[in-house]
Amino acid sequence: MSPSSDWILRWFHIMAGIMWIGLLYFFNFVNAAAVKEATAAGEAAPISKYVVPRALFFFRWGAVVTWIFGAALLGGYPAPNGMNGFVAAFGLQGTMAPIGIGAWLGTIMLINVWTFIWQNQKKLLGIVPATDEEKAKARRPAFIASRVNTMLSIPMLFFMATGPTSMSQFIYH
C-alpha cells in the first residue's frame, strides 16, 4: 500500500471508529442512566423520539464504515507467504495476527450492532410494531450486546493500534 492511499483509508477508518466507539460509550455510560432518570420523571419521550434514533443511525453506520475502511487497509498490505493482508489478518497469520485479533473483535462487534442491538432497539423505539411483551423481551438482548461490545472495545482498540502502516517504512528504514 502506498503512503498516499494509506493515510486516506486510515483517516476514514479512524474517524468512523471514533464515531462508532464514541456512541457506544455514550449509550453505555451516559444515555442508559439518563433515560432511566428521565423515565422516572416522566420525561423520556423526547430522548426516545429525537436523540436515540439519530444516535443509533450514526452508531450502526459508523460500525459499517469503520469495518469497510479497516478491511480496505488490511487488503492493501502484503502478508507472510505472499498472502493478502486481509486474509492473513483474519487467518491470524504471522505478523498480521495481532491486527487480526482486533479485526475479529471489530467484526463480532459489528455483528452485535446489526443483529442484536439494532433489531431490538427498533422494537423498543416503536420503529417496528411490537407488543409490550415483545418490547420487554427485546430490552435484555440489546443491553447485553451493547455491554459485550463495550467490553470487547478495549482489547479491540489495543490490537487495532498494533496494525501495520505504510508510513513505518519511512520512519524505520
N, C-alpha and C. Protein backbone atom coordinates (compact mmCIF):
# COMPACT_ATOMS: atom_id res chain seq x y z
N MET A 1 0.86 -1.17 0.00
CA MET A 1 0.00 0.00 0.00
C MET A 1 0.90 1.23 0.00
N SER A 2 0.51 2.21 -0.76
CA SER A 2 1.32 3.42 -0.82
C SER A 2 0.92 4.37 0.32
N PRO A 3 1.87 5.18 0.75
CA PRO A 3 1.54 6.15 1.81
C PRO A 3 0.40 7.08 1.42
N SER A 4 0.25 7.37 0.12
CA SER A 4 -0.81 8.30 -0.28
C SER A 4 -2.20 7.69 -0.11
N SER A 5 -2.37 6.40 -0.34
CA SER A 5 -3.68 5.79 -0.12
C SER A 5 -3.85 5.34 1.33
N ASP A 6 -2.76 4.96 1.96
CA ASP A 6 -2.83 4.51 3.35
C ASP A 6 -3.41 5.59 4.26
N TRP A 7 -2.94 6.80 4.14
CA TRP A 7 -3.39 7.84 5.08
C TRP A 7 -4.86 8.18 4.87
N ILE A 8 -5.34 8.12 3.64
CA ILE A 8 -6.76 8.42 3.38
C ILE A 8 -7.64 7.34 3.99
N LEU A 9 -7.32 6.08 3.69
CA LEU A 9 -8.10 4.98 4.26
C LEU A 9 -8.02 4.99 5.78
N ARG A 10 -6.82 5.21 6.32
CA ARG A 10 -6.64 5.23 7.77
C ARG A 10 -7.43 6.37 8.40
N TRP A 11 -7.45 7.55 7.76
CA TRP A 11 -8.17 8.70 8.30
C TRP A 11 -9.66 8.38 8.41
N PHE A 12 -10.26 7.84 7.32
CA PHE A 12 -11.68 7.49 7.36
C PHE A 12 -11.95 6.37 8.36
N HIS A 13 -11.05 5.40 8.43
CA HIS A 13 -11.20 4.31 9.40
C HIS A 13 -11.22 4.85 10.83
N ILE A 14 -10.30 5.73 11.13
CA ILE A 14 -10.20 6.30 12.48
C ILE A 14 -11.40 7.20 12.78
N MET A 15 -11.77 8.06 11.85
CA MET A 15 -12.91 8.96 12.10
C MET A 15 -14.20 8.19 12.31
N ALA A 16 -14.45 7.19 11.46
CA ALA A 16 -15.66 6.38 11.63
C ALA A 16 -15.59 5.60 12.94
N GLY A 17 -14.41 5.11 13.28
CA GLY A 17 -14.23 4.36 14.53
C GLY A 17 -14.50 5.23 15.75
N ILE A 18 -14.05 6.48 15.70
CA ILE A 18 -14.33 7.41 16.80
C ILE A 18 -15.83 7.62 16.94
N MET A 19 -16.51 7.77 15.81
CA MET A 19 -17.98 7.93 15.84
C MET A 19 -18.62 6.69 16.47
N TRP A 20 -18.23 5.52 16.00
CA TRP A 20 -18.83 4.27 16.45
C TRP A 20 -18.58 4.03 17.93
N ILE A 21 -17.32 4.03 18.33
CA ILE A 21 -16.99 3.70 19.72
C ILE A 21 -17.41 4.84 20.65
N GLY A 22 -17.33 6.07 20.18
CA GLY A 22 -17.80 7.19 21.00
C GLY A 22 -19.28 7.06 21.32
N LEU A 23 -20.08 6.69 20.32
CA LEU A 23 -21.51 6.50 20.56
C LEU A 23 -21.77 5.26 21.41
N LEU A 24 -20.97 4.22 21.24
CA LEU A 24 -21.09 3.04 22.10
C LEU A 24 -20.91 3.44 23.55
N TYR A 25 -19.89 4.23 23.83
CA TYR A 25 -19.63 4.68 25.20
C TYR A 25 -20.72 5.64 25.68
N PHE A 26 -21.20 6.50 24.78
CA PHE A 26 -22.32 7.39 25.13
C PHE A 26 -23.53 6.58 25.57
N PHE A 27 -23.91 5.57 24.78
CA PHE A 27 -25.08 4.76 25.12
C PHE A 27 -24.90 4.05 26.46
N ASN A 28 -23.71 3.53 26.71
CA ASN A 28 -23.49 2.72 27.91
C ASN A 28 -23.20 3.53 29.16
N PHE A 29 -22.53 4.66 29.02
CA PHE A 29 -22.12 5.41 30.21
C PHE A 29 -22.96 6.66 30.48
N VAL A 30 -23.65 7.18 29.47
CA VAL A 30 -24.42 8.41 29.64
C VAL A 30 -25.91 8.16 29.43
N ASN A 31 -26.26 7.67 28.28
CA ASN A 31 -27.66 7.56 27.89
C ASN A 31 -28.46 6.61 28.78
N ALA A 32 -27.89 5.45 29.11
CA ALA A 32 -28.65 4.46 29.90
C ALA A 32 -29.13 5.06 31.22
N ALA A 33 -28.24 5.73 31.94
CA ALA A 33 -28.63 6.33 33.22
C ALA A 33 -29.57 7.52 33.01
N ALA A 34 -29.32 8.30 31.97
CA ALA A 34 -30.16 9.48 31.72
C ALA A 34 -31.58 9.06 31.36
N VAL A 35 -31.74 8.03 30.55
CA VAL A 35 -33.09 7.57 30.18
C VAL A 35 -33.80 7.00 31.39
N LYS A 36 -33.08 6.28 32.23
CA LYS A 36 -33.69 5.73 33.45
C LYS A 36 -34.23 6.86 34.33
N GLU A 37 -33.44 7.91 34.52
CA GLU A 37 -33.88 9.06 35.33
C GLU A 37 -35.03 9.81 34.64
N ALA A 38 -34.92 10.00 33.32
CA ALA A 38 -35.96 10.71 32.59
C ALA A 38 -37.27 9.93 32.60
N THR A 39 -37.18 8.59 32.52
CA THR A 39 -38.38 7.76 32.57
C THR A 39 -39.05 7.90 33.93
N ALA A 40 -38.27 7.86 35.00
CA ALA A 40 -38.82 8.01 36.35
C ALA A 40 -39.50 9.37 36.52
N ALA A 41 -38.98 10.39 35.84
CA ALA A 41 -39.56 11.73 35.93
C ALA A 41 -40.66 11.95 34.89
N GLY A 42 -40.93 10.93 34.05
CA GLY A 42 -41.96 11.07 33.02
C GLY A 42 -41.53 11.95 31.86
N GLU A 43 -40.22 12.05 31.62
CA GLU A 43 -39.70 12.96 30.60
C GLU A 43 -38.84 12.27 29.55
N ALA A 44 -38.94 10.95 29.39
CA ALA A 44 -38.06 10.22 28.48
C ALA A 44 -38.50 10.28 27.02
N ALA A 45 -39.74 10.63 26.75
CA ALA A 45 -40.26 10.59 25.37
C ALA A 45 -39.41 11.38 24.38
N PRO A 46 -38.99 12.62 24.68
CA PRO A 46 -38.18 13.34 23.70
C PRO A 46 -36.83 12.67 23.42
N ILE A 47 -36.23 12.05 24.43
CA ILE A 47 -34.96 11.35 24.22
C ILE A 47 -35.18 10.19 23.27
N SER A 48 -36.21 9.39 23.54
CA SER A 48 -36.50 8.22 22.71
C SER A 48 -36.95 8.61 21.31
N LYS A 49 -37.59 9.75 21.19
CA LYS A 49 -38.11 10.16 19.89
C LYS A 49 -37.07 10.88 19.03
N TYR A 50 -36.24 11.73 19.63
CA TYR A 50 -35.35 12.58 18.84
C TYR A 50 -33.86 12.22 18.94
N VAL A 51 -33.40 11.86 20.11
CA VAL A 51 -31.96 11.64 20.30
C VAL A 51 -31.54 10.22 19.93
N VAL A 52 -32.18 9.23 20.52
CA VAL A 52 -31.73 7.85 20.36
C VAL A 52 -31.80 7.37 18.90
N PRO A 53 -32.89 7.60 18.16
CA PRO A 53 -32.89 7.12 16.76
C PRO A 53 -31.76 7.75 15.93
N ARG A 54 -31.51 9.02 16.12
CA ARG A 54 -30.43 9.68 15.37
C ARG A 54 -29.07 9.13 15.79
N ALA A 55 -28.87 8.97 17.08
CA ALA A 55 -27.60 8.43 17.56
C ALA A 55 -27.41 6.99 17.08
N LEU A 56 -28.47 6.19 17.07
CA LEU A 56 -28.36 4.82 16.58
C LEU A 56 -28.06 4.76 15.09
N PHE A 57 -28.55 5.73 14.33
CA PHE A 57 -28.22 5.79 12.90
C PHE A 57 -26.72 5.94 12.72
N PHE A 58 -26.12 6.92 13.38
CA PHE A 58 -24.68 7.14 13.26
C PHE A 58 -23.89 5.99 13.89
N PHE A 59 -24.42 5.40 14.93
CA PHE A 59 -23.78 4.27 15.60
C PHE A 59 -23.65 3.08 14.66
N ARG A 60 -24.77 2.68 14.06
CA ARG A 60 -24.72 1.47 13.23
C ARG A 60 -23.98 1.70 11.92
N TRP A 61 -24.14 2.88 11.30
CA TRP A 61 -23.40 3.13 10.05
C TRP A 61 -21.94 3.45 10.31
N GLY A 62 -21.64 4.01 11.48
CA GLY A 62 -20.24 4.19 11.88
C GLY A 62 -19.55 2.85 11.98
N ALA A 63 -20.25 1.84 12.47
CA ALA A 63 -19.70 0.48 12.56
C ALA A 63 -19.39 -0.07 11.17
N VAL A 64 -20.31 0.10 10.24
CA VAL A 64 -20.12 -0.40 8.87
C VAL A 64 -18.94 0.30 8.19
N VAL A 65 -18.92 1.62 8.26
CA VAL A 65 -17.85 2.38 7.59
C VAL A 65 -16.49 2.05 8.21
N THR A 66 -16.45 1.93 9.54
CA THR A 66 -15.20 1.55 10.20
C THR A 66 -14.71 0.21 9.69
N TRP A 67 -15.59 -0.76 9.62
CA TRP A 67 -15.21 -2.10 9.18
C TRP A 67 -14.75 -2.08 7.73
N ILE A 68 -15.47 -1.40 6.86
CA ILE A 68 -15.11 -1.38 5.44
C ILE A 68 -13.74 -0.75 5.22
N PHE A 69 -13.48 0.38 5.85
CA PHE A 69 -12.18 1.03 5.67
C PHE A 69 -11.06 0.22 6.34
N GLY A 70 -11.36 -0.45 7.44
CA GLY A 70 -10.37 -1.33 8.06
C GLY A 70 -10.04 -2.50 7.15
N ALA A 71 -11.06 -3.09 6.53
CA ALA A 71 -10.84 -4.19 5.60
C ALA A 71 -10.03 -3.73 4.39
N ALA A 72 -10.33 -2.53 3.90
CA ALA A 72 -9.56 -1.99 2.77
C ALA A 72 -8.10 -1.78 3.15
N LEU A 73 -7.87 -1.27 4.35
CA LEU A 73 -6.49 -1.11 4.82
C LEU A 73 -5.77 -2.45 4.87
N LEU A 74 -6.40 -3.44 5.48
CA LEU A 74 -5.78 -4.76 5.59
C LEU A 74 -5.50 -5.36 4.22
N GLY A 75 -6.45 -5.22 3.31
CA GLY A 75 -6.29 -5.79 1.97
C GLY A 75 -5.16 -5.17 1.19
N GLY A 76 -4.72 -3.99 1.58
CA GLY A 76 -3.64 -3.31 0.87
C GLY A 76 -2.25 -3.68 1.35
N TYR A 77 -2.15 -4.50 2.37
CA TYR A 77 -0.85 -4.87 2.91
C TYR A 77 -0.46 -6.27 2.49
N PRO A 78 0.81 -6.44 2.10
CA PRO A 78 1.28 -7.80 1.84
C PRO A 78 1.48 -8.52 3.17
N ALA A 79 1.35 -9.81 3.15
CA ALA A 79 1.47 -10.59 4.38
C ALA A 79 2.39 -11.78 4.13
N PRO A 80 2.65 -12.57 5.16
CA PRO A 80 3.54 -13.72 5.01
C PRO A 80 3.12 -14.63 3.86
N ASN A 81 4.11 -15.24 3.22
CA ASN A 81 3.90 -16.19 2.13
C ASN A 81 3.11 -15.61 0.97
N GLY A 82 3.22 -14.30 0.75
CA GLY A 82 2.55 -13.66 -0.37
C GLY A 82 1.05 -13.55 -0.22
N MET A 83 0.55 -13.79 0.97
CA MET A 83 -0.90 -13.70 1.21
C MET A 83 -1.35 -12.25 1.20
N ASN A 84 -2.61 -12.06 0.95
CA ASN A 84 -3.24 -10.76 1.08
C ASN A 84 -3.35 -10.45 2.57
N GLY A 85 -3.15 -9.19 2.95
CA GLY A 85 -3.18 -8.79 4.35
C GLY A 85 -4.51 -9.06 5.03
N PHE A 86 -5.61 -8.90 4.30
CA PHE A 86 -6.93 -9.18 4.87
C PHE A 86 -7.05 -10.65 5.25
N VAL A 87 -6.67 -11.51 4.32
CA VAL A 87 -6.75 -12.96 4.55
C VAL A 87 -5.82 -13.36 5.68
N ALA A 88 -4.60 -12.83 5.68
CA ALA A 88 -3.62 -13.17 6.71
C ALA A 88 -4.09 -12.68 8.09
N ALA A 89 -4.66 -11.49 8.14
CA ALA A 89 -5.13 -10.96 9.43
C ALA A 89 -6.26 -11.82 9.99
N PHE A 90 -7.25 -12.10 9.17
CA PHE A 90 -8.37 -12.91 9.65
C PHE A 90 -7.98 -14.37 9.87
N GLY A 91 -6.89 -14.80 9.24
CA GLY A 91 -6.36 -16.14 9.48
C GLY A 91 -5.35 -16.16 10.62
N LEU A 92 -5.12 -14.99 11.23
CA LEU A 92 -4.17 -14.84 12.35
C LEU A 92 -2.78 -15.36 11.98
N GLN A 93 -2.30 -14.96 10.78
CA GLN A 93 -1.03 -15.42 10.25
C GLN A 93 0.11 -14.46 10.55
N GLY A 94 1.19 -14.98 11.12
CA GLY A 94 2.43 -14.25 11.31
C GLY A 94 2.27 -12.88 11.95
N THR A 95 2.90 -11.89 11.34
CA THR A 95 2.88 -10.53 11.88
C THR A 95 1.51 -9.88 11.79
N MET A 96 0.60 -10.49 11.04
CA MET A 96 -0.76 -9.94 10.91
C MET A 96 -1.69 -10.46 12.01
N ALA A 97 -1.20 -11.37 12.86
CA ALA A 97 -2.05 -11.95 13.90
C ALA A 97 -2.59 -10.91 14.88
N PRO A 98 -1.76 -9.99 15.41
CA PRO A 98 -2.32 -9.03 16.37
C PRO A 98 -3.44 -8.16 15.77
N ILE A 99 -3.22 -7.63 14.59
CA ILE A 99 -4.27 -6.81 13.97
C ILE A 99 -5.47 -7.70 13.61
N GLY A 100 -5.21 -8.97 13.33
CA GLY A 100 -6.29 -9.91 13.06
C GLY A 100 -7.19 -10.12 14.26
N ILE A 101 -6.60 -10.16 15.45
CA ILE A 101 -7.42 -10.27 16.67
C ILE A 101 -8.33 -9.05 16.77
N GLY A 102 -7.76 -7.86 16.55
CA GLY A 102 -8.56 -6.64 16.57
C GLY A 102 -9.64 -6.66 15.50
N ALA A 103 -9.31 -7.17 14.31
CA ALA A 103 -10.30 -7.23 13.22
C ALA A 103 -11.42 -8.20 13.56
N TRP A 104 -11.09 -9.34 14.17
CA TRP A 104 -12.12 -10.28 14.58
C TRP A 104 -13.02 -9.67 15.65
N LEU A 105 -12.42 -9.00 16.63
CA LEU A 105 -13.23 -8.36 17.67
C LEU A 105 -14.15 -7.30 17.07
N GLY A 106 -13.62 -6.49 16.14
CA GLY A 106 -14.43 -5.48 15.46
C GLY A 106 -15.56 -6.11 14.65
N THR A 107 -15.29 -7.24 14.03
CA THR A 107 -16.31 -7.95 13.25
C THR A 107 -17.42 -8.47 14.16
N ILE A 108 -17.04 -9.05 15.29
CA ILE A 108 -18.04 -9.52 16.27
C ILE A 108 -18.88 -8.34 16.73
N MET A 109 -18.24 -7.22 17.00
CA MET A 109 -18.95 -6.03 17.45
C MET A 109 -19.91 -5.52 16.38
N LEU A 110 -19.47 -5.52 15.12
CA LEU A 110 -20.33 -5.11 14.00
C LEU A 110 -21.56 -6.01 13.92
N ILE A 111 -21.36 -7.30 14.04
CA ILE A 111 -22.49 -8.25 14.02
C ILE A 111 -23.44 -7.97 15.18
N ASN A 112 -22.88 -7.73 16.37
CA ASN A 112 -23.73 -7.39 17.53
C ASN A 112 -24.57 -6.15 17.26
N VAL A 113 -23.97 -5.14 16.64
CA VAL A 113 -24.70 -3.89 16.36
C VAL A 113 -25.91 -4.17 15.49
N TRP A 114 -25.72 -4.87 14.39
CA TRP A 114 -26.79 -5.05 13.42
C TRP A 114 -27.75 -6.18 13.77
N THR A 115 -27.27 -7.21 14.46
CA THR A 115 -28.11 -8.37 14.75
C THR A 115 -28.86 -8.26 16.06
N PHE A 116 -28.20 -7.78 17.09
CA PHE A 116 -28.82 -7.78 18.42
C PHE A 116 -29.24 -6.38 18.88
N ILE A 117 -28.34 -5.42 18.75
CA ILE A 117 -28.67 -4.08 19.27
C ILE A 117 -29.74 -3.43 18.40
N TRP A 118 -29.49 -3.28 17.12
CA TRP A 118 -30.41 -2.55 16.25
C TRP A 118 -31.76 -3.26 16.11
N GLN A 119 -31.75 -4.57 15.92
CA GLN A 119 -33.02 -5.29 15.76
C GLN A 119 -33.92 -5.14 16.98
N ASN A 120 -33.34 -5.13 18.15
CA ASN A 120 -34.13 -4.98 19.38
C ASN A 120 -34.48 -3.52 19.66
N GLN A 121 -33.57 -2.60 19.35
CA GLN A 121 -33.86 -1.18 19.56
C GLN A 121 -35.01 -0.71 18.67
N LYS A 122 -35.14 -1.27 17.48
CA LYS A 122 -36.25 -0.89 16.61
C LYS A 122 -37.59 -1.18 17.30
N LYS A 123 -37.66 -2.27 18.01
CA LYS A 123 -38.88 -2.61 18.76
C LYS A 123 -39.09 -1.64 19.92
N LEU A 124 -38.02 -1.40 20.67
CA LEU A 124 -38.12 -0.54 21.85
C LEU A 124 -38.50 0.89 21.50
N LEU A 125 -38.04 1.37 20.35
CA LEU A 125 -38.31 2.75 19.94
C LEU A 125 -39.59 2.90 19.13
N GLY A 126 -40.26 1.78 18.84
CA GLY A 126 -41.50 1.86 18.07
C GLY A 126 -41.26 2.04 16.59
N ILE A 127 -40.06 1.78 16.12
CA ILE A 127 -39.77 1.88 14.69
C ILE A 127 -40.43 0.73 13.94
N VAL A 128 -40.49 -0.43 14.59
CA VAL A 128 -41.27 -1.56 14.09
C VAL A 128 -42.33 -1.88 15.14
N PRO A 129 -43.50 -2.32 14.72
CA PRO A 129 -44.55 -2.63 15.70
C PRO A 129 -44.11 -3.76 16.63
N ALA A 130 -44.37 -3.61 17.91
CA ALA A 130 -44.07 -4.64 18.90
C ALA A 130 -45.01 -4.49 20.09
N THR A 131 -45.44 -5.62 20.62
CA THR A 131 -46.29 -5.59 21.81
C THR A 131 -45.43 -5.22 23.01
N ASP A 132 -46.08 -4.92 24.12
CA ASP A 132 -45.33 -4.63 25.35
C ASP A 132 -44.49 -5.82 25.77
N GLU A 133 -45.01 -7.02 25.56
CA GLU A 133 -44.26 -8.23 25.89
C GLU A 133 -43.01 -8.37 25.00
N GLU A 134 -43.17 -8.09 23.71
CA GLU A 134 -42.03 -8.15 22.79
C GLU A 134 -40.98 -7.10 23.15
N LYS A 135 -41.44 -5.93 23.55
CA LYS A 135 -40.51 -4.88 23.98
C LYS A 135 -39.77 -5.30 25.24
N ALA A 136 -40.48 -5.90 26.17
CA ALA A 136 -39.84 -6.35 27.41
C ALA A 136 -38.77 -7.40 27.10
N LYS A 137 -39.05 -8.30 26.16
CA LYS A 137 -38.08 -9.32 25.76
C LYS A 137 -36.90 -8.72 24.99
N ALA A 138 -37.12 -7.62 24.29
CA ALA A 138 -36.07 -7.00 23.47
C ALA A 138 -35.04 -6.25 24.31
N ARG A 139 -35.42 -5.80 25.49
CA ARG A 139 -34.52 -4.98 26.32
C ARG A 139 -33.23 -5.71 26.69
N ARG A 140 -33.37 -6.92 27.17
CA ARG A 140 -32.21 -7.65 27.69
C ARG A 140 -31.17 -7.96 26.60
N PRO A 141 -31.55 -8.53 25.45
CA PRO A 141 -30.54 -8.81 24.42
C PRO A 141 -29.84 -7.54 23.92
N ALA A 142 -30.59 -6.45 23.78
CA ALA A 142 -29.97 -5.19 23.35
C ALA A 142 -28.96 -4.72 24.39
N PHE A 143 -29.35 -4.79 25.65
CA PHE A 143 -28.49 -4.38 26.76
C PHE A 143 -27.22 -5.23 26.81
N ILE A 144 -27.39 -6.55 26.75
CA ILE A 144 -26.23 -7.46 26.86
C ILE A 144 -25.29 -7.26 25.68
N ALA A 145 -25.82 -7.18 24.46
CA ALA A 145 -24.96 -6.98 23.28
C ALA A 145 -24.20 -5.67 23.37
N SER A 146 -24.85 -4.63 23.85
CA SER A 146 -24.19 -3.34 24.00
C SER A 146 -23.07 -3.40 25.04
N ARG A 147 -23.33 -4.08 26.16
CA ARG A 147 -22.29 -4.23 27.19
C ARG A 147 -21.15 -5.11 26.71
N VAL A 148 -21.47 -6.17 25.97
CA VAL A 148 -20.42 -7.02 25.40
C VAL A 148 -19.54 -6.18 24.47
N ASN A 149 -20.15 -5.37 23.62
CA ASN A 149 -19.37 -4.52 22.72
C ASN A 149 -18.50 -3.54 23.49
N THR A 150 -19.01 -3.01 24.57
CA THR A 150 -18.20 -2.09 25.39
C THR A 150 -16.97 -2.81 25.91
N MET A 151 -17.16 -4.03 26.41
CA MET A 151 -16.02 -4.79 26.94
C MET A 151 -15.06 -5.20 25.82
N LEU A 152 -15.58 -5.60 24.66
CA LEU A 152 -14.72 -6.00 23.55
C LEU A 152 -13.96 -4.82 22.96
N SER A 153 -14.51 -3.60 23.11
CA SER A 153 -13.87 -2.43 22.51
C SER A 153 -12.49 -2.16 23.10
N ILE A 154 -12.27 -2.54 24.34
CA ILE A 154 -10.98 -2.26 24.98
C ILE A 154 -9.86 -3.09 24.34
N PRO A 155 -9.97 -4.43 24.28
CA PRO A 155 -8.91 -5.16 23.58
C PRO A 155 -8.90 -4.90 22.08
N MET A 156 -10.08 -4.63 21.49
CA MET A 156 -10.13 -4.34 20.06
C MET A 156 -9.29 -3.11 19.74
N LEU A 157 -9.45 -2.06 20.52
CA LEU A 157 -8.66 -0.84 20.28
C LEU A 157 -7.17 -1.10 20.47
N PHE A 158 -6.82 -1.89 21.47
CA PHE A 158 -5.41 -2.22 21.70
C PHE A 158 -4.84 -2.96 20.48
N PHE A 159 -5.51 -4.00 20.02
CA PHE A 159 -4.98 -4.77 18.90
C PHE A 159 -5.04 -4.01 17.59
N MET A 160 -6.00 -3.13 17.42
CA MET A 160 -6.05 -2.32 16.20
C MET A 160 -4.86 -1.37 16.14
N ALA A 161 -4.43 -0.90 17.30
CA ALA A 161 -3.28 0.01 17.33
C ALA A 161 -1.98 -0.69 16.98
N THR A 162 -1.97 -2.02 16.96
CA THR A 162 -0.76 -2.75 16.60
C THR A 162 -0.65 -2.96 15.10
N GLY A 163 -1.60 -2.45 14.35
CA GLY A 163 -1.66 -2.71 12.92
C GLY A 163 -0.52 -2.13 12.12
N PRO A 164 -0.33 -2.67 10.92
CA PRO A 164 0.74 -2.19 10.04
C PRO A 164 0.41 -0.82 9.47
N THR A 165 1.43 -0.13 9.03
CA THR A 165 1.25 1.16 8.38
C THR A 165 2.33 1.33 7.32
N SER A 166 1.96 1.86 6.18
CA SER A 166 2.96 2.12 5.14
C SER A 166 3.89 3.25 5.55
N MET A 167 3.46 4.07 6.52
CA MET A 167 4.31 5.17 6.98
C MET A 167 5.53 4.66 7.74
N SER A 168 5.44 3.44 8.30
CA SER A 168 6.57 2.92 9.09
C SER A 168 7.80 2.69 8.22
N GLN A 169 7.62 2.49 6.92
CA GLN A 169 8.78 2.31 6.06
C GLN A 169 9.64 3.58 6.01
N PHE A 170 9.02 4.75 6.21
CA PHE A 170 9.78 5.99 6.20
C PHE A 170 10.41 6.28 7.56
N ILE A 171 9.79 5.76 8.60
CA ILE A 171 10.28 6.02 9.95
C ILE A 171 11.42 5.06 10.30
N TYR A 172 11.28 3.79 9.95
CA TYR A 172 12.21 2.77 10.40
C TYR A 172 13.24 2.37 9.35
N HIS A 173 13.11 2.83 8.13
CA HIS A 173 14.09 2.42 7.10
C HIS A 173 14.87 3.59 6.58
